[in-house]
Amino acid sequence: MRVFAWTGRRLDHNYCRTIADIYAVNCFNILMTQPIADPSRGKEVFDLDRAHVFHSWSAQAQISPLPVAGGEGSYFWDFDGKKYLDFSCQLVFTNIGFQHPKVVKAIQDQAGLLTTVAPQHANEARSEAAKRITDRAGAHLNKVFFTNG
């Protein structure tokens, strides 16, 4: 499998779709805006994490989480300015990539309507998402369990 390096220029949409189709690489017509490296902030983020965050599914003393400063498309970067091509998009199932404009807009729209709701309540967004998933899953699969971990 070939990995295409980011050239820092806008990509033609058709070219982008061809690469995405052939190589299963997320690609959309944006210009990455990687922030300036700030290693001292990265250390602060790491230290705060280790002091105050309990990571799931991990032996706490054995982990050394990478402080992620940002991401866009199929890439994310750390506070040292190192850029990573992320084949799993952090959580395996979010293969649309980082900061996709349609996802950002949908989150903004939903936050304007309802930012949170307890699991025991019904809400429009979750109900609609479940219906869309089950419509594609087949007749024998008609329920969706949403979880954050």
C-alpha atoms as a PDB file:
ATOM      1  CA  MET A   1       0.000   0.000   0.000  1.00  0.00           C
ATOM      2  CA  ARG A   2       1.290   3.443  -0.886  1.00  0.00           C
ATOM      3  CA  VAL A   3       0.924   6.377   1.466  1.00  0.00           C
ATOM      4  CA  PHE A   4       0.626   9.795  -0.109  1.00  0.00           C
ATOM      5  CA  ALA A   5       2.360  12.649   1.677  1.00  0.00           C
ATOM      6  CA  TRP A   6       0.531  15.915   2.177  1.00  0.00           C
ATOM      7  CA  THR A   7       1.878  18.545  -0.173  1.00  0.00           C
ATOM      8  CA  GLY A   8       0.311  21.551   1.533  1.00  0.00           C
ATOM      9  CA  ARG A   9      -1.796  22.426  -1.510  1.00  0.00           C
ATOM     10  CA  ARG A  10      -5.481  22.067  -2.203  1.00  0.00           C
ATOM     11  CA  LEU A  11      -6.231  18.782  -3.925  1.00  0.00           C
ATOM     12  CA  ASP A  12      -8.538  18.396  -6.890  1.00  0.00           C
ATOM     13  CA  HIS A  13     -11.754  16.697  -5.665  1.00  0.00           C
ATOM     14  CA  ASN A  14     -11.731  14.014  -8.392  1.00  0.00           C
ATOM     15  CA  TYR A  15      -8.085  13.179  -7.727  1.00  0.00           C
ATOM     16  CA  CYS A  16      -8.864  13.037  -4.034  1.00  0.00           C
ATOM     17  CA  ARG A  17     -11.818  10.665  -4.527  1.00  0.00           C
ATOM     18  CA  THR A  18      -9.724   8.373  -6.711  1.00  0.00           C
ATOM     19  CA  ILE A  19      -7.023   8.087  -4.048  1.00  0.00           C
ATOM     20  CA  ALA A  20      -9.634   7.555  -1.344  1.00  0.00           C
ATOM     21  CA  ASP A  21     -11.351   4.835  -3.375  1.00  0.00           C
ATOM     22  CA  ILE A  22      -8.154   2.999  -4.322  1.00  0.00           C
ATOM     23  CA  TYR A  23      -6.154   3.303  -1.137  1.00  0.00           C
ATOM     24  CA  ALA A  24      -8.926   3.724   1.473  1.00  0.00           C
ATOM     25  CA  VAL A  25      -7.397   7.013   2.586  1.00  0.00           C
ATOM     26  CA  ASN A  26      -9.605   9.800   3.900  1.00  0.00           C
ATOM     27  CA  CYS A  27      -9.296  12.825   1.701  1.00  0.00           C
ATOM     28  CA  PHE A  28     -11.326  15.969   1.268  1.00  0.00           C
ATOM     29  CA  ASN A  29     -10.719  19.311  -0.314  1.00  0.00           C
ATOM     30  CA  ILE A  30      -9.246  21.318   2.560  1.00  0.00           C
ATOM     31  CA  LEU A  31      -5.971  22.958   3.377  1.00  0.00           C
ATOM     32  CA  MET A  32      -4.449  21.638   6.597  1.00  0.00           C
ATOM     33  CA  THR A  33      -3.770  24.286   9.185  1.00  0.00           C
ATOM     34  CA  GLN A  34      -1.285  22.693  11.550  1.00  0.00           C
ATOM     35  CA  PRO A  35      -0.574  24.932  14.555  1.00  0.00           C
ATOM     36  CA  ILE A  36       2.909  26.081  15.488  1.00  0.00           C
ATOM     37  CA  ALA A  37       4.774  23.558  17.644  1.00  0.00           C
ATOM     38  CA  ASP A  38       4.606  24.189  21.393  1.00  0.00           C
ATOM     39  CA  PRO A  39       6.562  21.463  23.263  1.00  0.00           C
ATOM     40  CA  SER A  40       6.112  23.158  26.646  1.00  0.00           C
ATOM     41  CA  ARG A  41       2.326  23.044  26.226  1.00  0.00           C
ATOM     42  CA  GLY A  42       2.611  19.377  25.232  1.00  0.00           C
ATOM     43  CA  LYS A  43       4.465  18.642  28.474  1.00  0.00           C
ATOM     44  CA  GLU A  44       1.821  20.550  30.443  1.00  0.00           C
ATOM     45  CA  VAL A  45      -0.990  18.586  28.748  1.00  0.00           C
ATOM     46  CA  PHE A  46       0.826  15.302  29.449  1.00  0.00           C
ATOM     47  CA  ASP A  47       1.481  16.206  33.099  1.00  0.00           C
ATOM     48  CA  LEU A  48      -2.134  17.284  33.650  1.00  0.00           C
ATOM     49  CA  ASP A  49      -3.368  14.085  32.028  1.00  0.00           C
ATOM     50  CA  ARG A  50      -1.195  11.862  34.194  1.00  0.00           C
ATOM     51  CA  ALA A  51      -2.188  13.769  37.341  1.00  0.00           C
ATOM     52  CA  HIS A  52      -5.947  13.846  36.735  1.00  0.00           C
ATOM     53  CA  VAL A  53      -7.135  11.404  34.042  1.00  0.00           C
ATOM     54  CA  PHE A  54      -7.975   7.745  34.606  1.00  0.00           C
ATOM     55  CA  HIS A  55      -7.655   5.990  31.234  1.00  0.00           C
ATOM     56  CA  SER A  56     -10.038   3.141  30.490  1.00  0.00           C
ATOM     57  CA  TRP A  57      -8.774  -0.365  29.734  1.00  0.00           C
ATOM     58  CA  SER A  58      -5.226   0.519  30.816  1.00  0.00           C
ATOM     59  CA  ALA A  59      -2.805  -0.281  33.615  1.00  0.00           C
ATOM     60  CA  GLN A  60      -2.402   3.343  34.678  1.00  0.00           C
ATOM     61  CA  ALA A  61       1.281   3.188  35.609  1.00  0.00           C
ATOM     62  CA  GLN A  62       2.148   1.503  32.302  1.00  0.00           C
ATOM     63  CA  ILE A  63       0.818   4.068  29.842  1.00  0.00           C
ATOM     64  CA  SER A  64       2.399   7.148  28.331  1.00  0.00           C
ATOM     65  CA  PRO A  65      -0.360   8.883  26.346  1.00  0.00           C
ATOM     66  CA  LEU A  66       0.699  10.987  23.391  1.00  0.00           C
ATOM     67  CA  PRO A  67      -0.570  14.578  23.776  1.00  0.00           C
ATOM     68  CA  VAL A  68      -2.456  15.337  20.551  1.00  0.00           C
ATOM     69  CA  ALA A  69      -2.565  19.009  19.598  1.00  0.00           C
ATOM     70  CA  GLY A  70      -4.916  18.801  16.619  1.00  0.00           C
ATOM     71  CA  GLY A  71      -5.969  16.928  13.544  1.00  0.00           C
ATOM     72  CA  GLU A  72      -7.418  17.330  10.107  1.00  0.00           C
ATOM     73  CA  GLY A  73      -8.393  14.764   7.514  1.00  0.00           C
ATOM     74  CA  SER A  74      -6.387  11.573   8.010  1.00  0.00           C
ATOM     75  CA  TYR A  75      -3.655  13.304   9.987  1.00  0.00           C
ATOM     76  CA  PHE A  76      -3.111  14.423  13.547  1.00  0.00           C
ATOM     77  CA  TRP A  77      -0.128  16.147  15.113  1.00  0.00           C
ATOM     78  CA  ASP A  78       1.485  16.440  18.503  1.00  0.00           C
ATOM     79  CA  PHE A  79       2.707  19.514  20.353  1.00  0.00           C
ATOM     80  CA  ASP A  80       6.232  18.991  18.992  1.00  0.00           C
ATOM     81  CA  GLY A  81       4.855  19.560  15.494  1.00  0.00           C
ATOM     82  CA  LYS A  82       5.237  15.921  14.420  1.00  0.00           C
ATOM     83  CA  LYS A  83       2.487  14.891  11.988  1.00  0.00           C
ATOM     84  CA  TYR A  84       1.052  11.346  11.985  1.00  0.00           C
ATOM     85  CA  LEU A  85      -0.939   9.546   9.285  1.00  0.00           C
ATOM     86  CA  ASP A  86      -3.710   7.947  11.313  1.00  0.00           C
ATOM     87  CA  PHE A  87      -5.120   4.862   9.612  1.00  0.00           C
ATOM     88  CA  SER A  88      -7.602   4.185  12.427  1.00  0.00           C
ATOM     89  CA  CYS A  89      -8.761   7.791  12.997  1.00  0.00           C
ATOM     90  CA  GLN A  90      -8.239   7.407  16.750  1.00  0.00           C
ATOM     91  CA  LEU A  91     -11.267   5.266  17.502  1.00  0.00           C
ATOM     92  CA  VAL A  92     -11.300   2.836  14.561  1.00  0.00           C
ATOM     93  CA  PHE A  93     -14.907   3.608  13.576  1.00  0.00           C
ATOM     94  CA  THR A  94     -14.522   7.318  12.835  1.00  0.00           C
ATOM     95  CA  ASN A  95     -12.885   6.835   9.452  1.00  0.00           C
ATOM     96  CA  ILE A  96     -14.222  10.111   8.076  1.00  0.00           C
ATOM     97  CA  GLY A  97     -11.132  11.697   9.594  1.00  0.00           C
ATOM     98  CA  PHE A  98     -10.470  14.710  11.771  1.00  0.00           C
ATOM     99  CA  GLN A  99     -12.336  18.001  11.472  1.00  0.00           C
ATOM    100  CA  HIS A 100     -14.429  17.046   8.425  1.00  0.00           C
ATOM    101  CA  PRO A 101     -16.465  20.188   7.650  1.00  0.00           C
ATOM    102  CA  LYS A 102     -19.779  18.289   7.521  1.00  0.00           C
ATOM    103  CA  VAL A 103     -19.132  16.646  10.904  1.00  0.00           C
ATOM    104  CA  VAL A 104     -18.089  19.949  12.484  1.00  0.00           C
ATOM    105  CA  LYS A 105     -21.257  21.615  11.140  1.00  0.00           C
ATOM    106  CA  ALA A 106     -23.492  18.765  12.379  1.00  0.00           C
ATOM    107  CA  ILE A 107     -21.945  18.996  15.862  1.00  0.00           C
ATOM    108  CA  GLN A 108     -22.421  22.772  15.908  1.00  0.00           C
ATOM    109  CA  ASP A 109     -26.054  22.410  14.826  1.00  0.00           C
ATOM    110  CA  GLN A 110     -26.762  19.743  17.453  1.00  0.00           C
ATOM    111  CA  ALA A 111     -25.055  21.762  20.199  1.00  0.00           C
ATOM    112  CA  GLY A 112     -27.351  24.659  19.381  1.00  0.00           C
ATOM    113  CA  LEU A 113     -30.351  22.387  19.868  1.00  0.00           C
ATOM    114  CA  LEU A 114     -29.409  20.033  22.713  1.00  0.00           C
ATOM    115  CA  THR A 115     -25.873  19.481  24.000  1.00  0.00           C
ATOM    116  CA  THR A 116     -26.544  16.498  26.232  1.00  0.00           C
ATOM    117  CA  VAL A 117     -29.318  14.192  27.354  1.00  0.00           C
ATOM    118  CA  ALA A 118     -29.355  11.349  29.856  1.00  0.00           C
ATOM    119  CA  PRO A 119     -29.342   7.812  28.409  1.00  0.00           C
ATOM    120  CA  GLN A 120     -32.788   7.050  29.838  1.00  0.00           C
ATOM    121  CA  HIS A 121     -34.458   9.801  27.735  1.00  0.00           C
ATOM    122  CA  ALA A 122     -35.422   9.626  24.071  1.00  0.00           C
ATOM    123  CA  ASN A 123     -34.091  12.308  21.768  1.00  0.00           C
ATOM    124  CA  GLU A 124     -34.353  13.153  18.095  1.00  0.00           C
ATOM    125  CA  ALA A 125     -30.675  12.773  17.113  1.00  0.00           C
ATOM    126  CA  ARG A 126     -30.108   9.385  18.751  1.00  0.00           C
ATOM    127  CA  SER A 127     -33.437   8.003  17.531  1.00  0.00           C
ATOM    128  CA  GLU A 128     -32.764   9.102  13.951  1.00  0.00           C
ATOM    129  CA  ALA A 129     -29.206   7.731  14.022  1.00  0.00           C
ATOM    130  CA  ALA A 130     -30.472   4.354  15.309  1.00  0.00           C
ATOM    131  CA  LYS A 131     -33.091   4.188  12.558  1.00  0.00           C
ATOM    132  CA  ARG A 132     -30.513   4.953   9.859  1.00  0.00           C
ATOM    133  CA  ILE A 133     -28.191   2.254  11.197  1.00  0.00           C
ATOM    134  CA  THR A 134     -30.902  -0.403  11.444  1.00  0.00           C
ATOM    135  CA  ASP A 135     -32.205   0.468   7.966  1.00  0.00           C
ATOM    136  CA  ARG A 136     -28.825  -0.676   6.631  1.00  0.00           C
ATOM    137  CA  ALA A 137     -28.232  -3.553   9.038  1.00  0.00           C
ATOM    138  CA  GLY A 138     -30.891  -5.962   7.815  1.00  0.00           C
ATOM    139  CA  ALA A 139     -34.273  -7.080   9.096  1.00  0.00           C
ATOM    140  CA  HIS A 140     -32.917  -9.222  11.935  1.00  0.00           C
ATOM    141  CA  LEU A 141     -30.971  -6.312  13.487  1.00  0.00           C
ATOM    142  CA  ASN A 142     -33.370  -3.640  14.659  1.00  0.00           C
ATOM    143  CA  LYS A 143     -31.826  -2.187  17.844  1.00  0.00           C
ATOM    144  CA  VAL A 144     -28.695  -0.098  18.412  1.00  0.00           C
ATOM    145  CA  PHE A 145     -26.774   0.213  21.674  1.00  0.00           C
ATOM    146  CA  PHE A 146     -24.972   3.550  21.921  1.00  0.00           C
ATOM    147  CA  THR A 147     -22.013   3.753  24.273  1.00  0.00           C
ATOM    148  CA  ASN A 148     -19.080   6.035  24.888  1.00  0.00           C
ATOM    149  CA  GLY A 149     -16.558   3.314  25.558  1.00  0.00           C
END
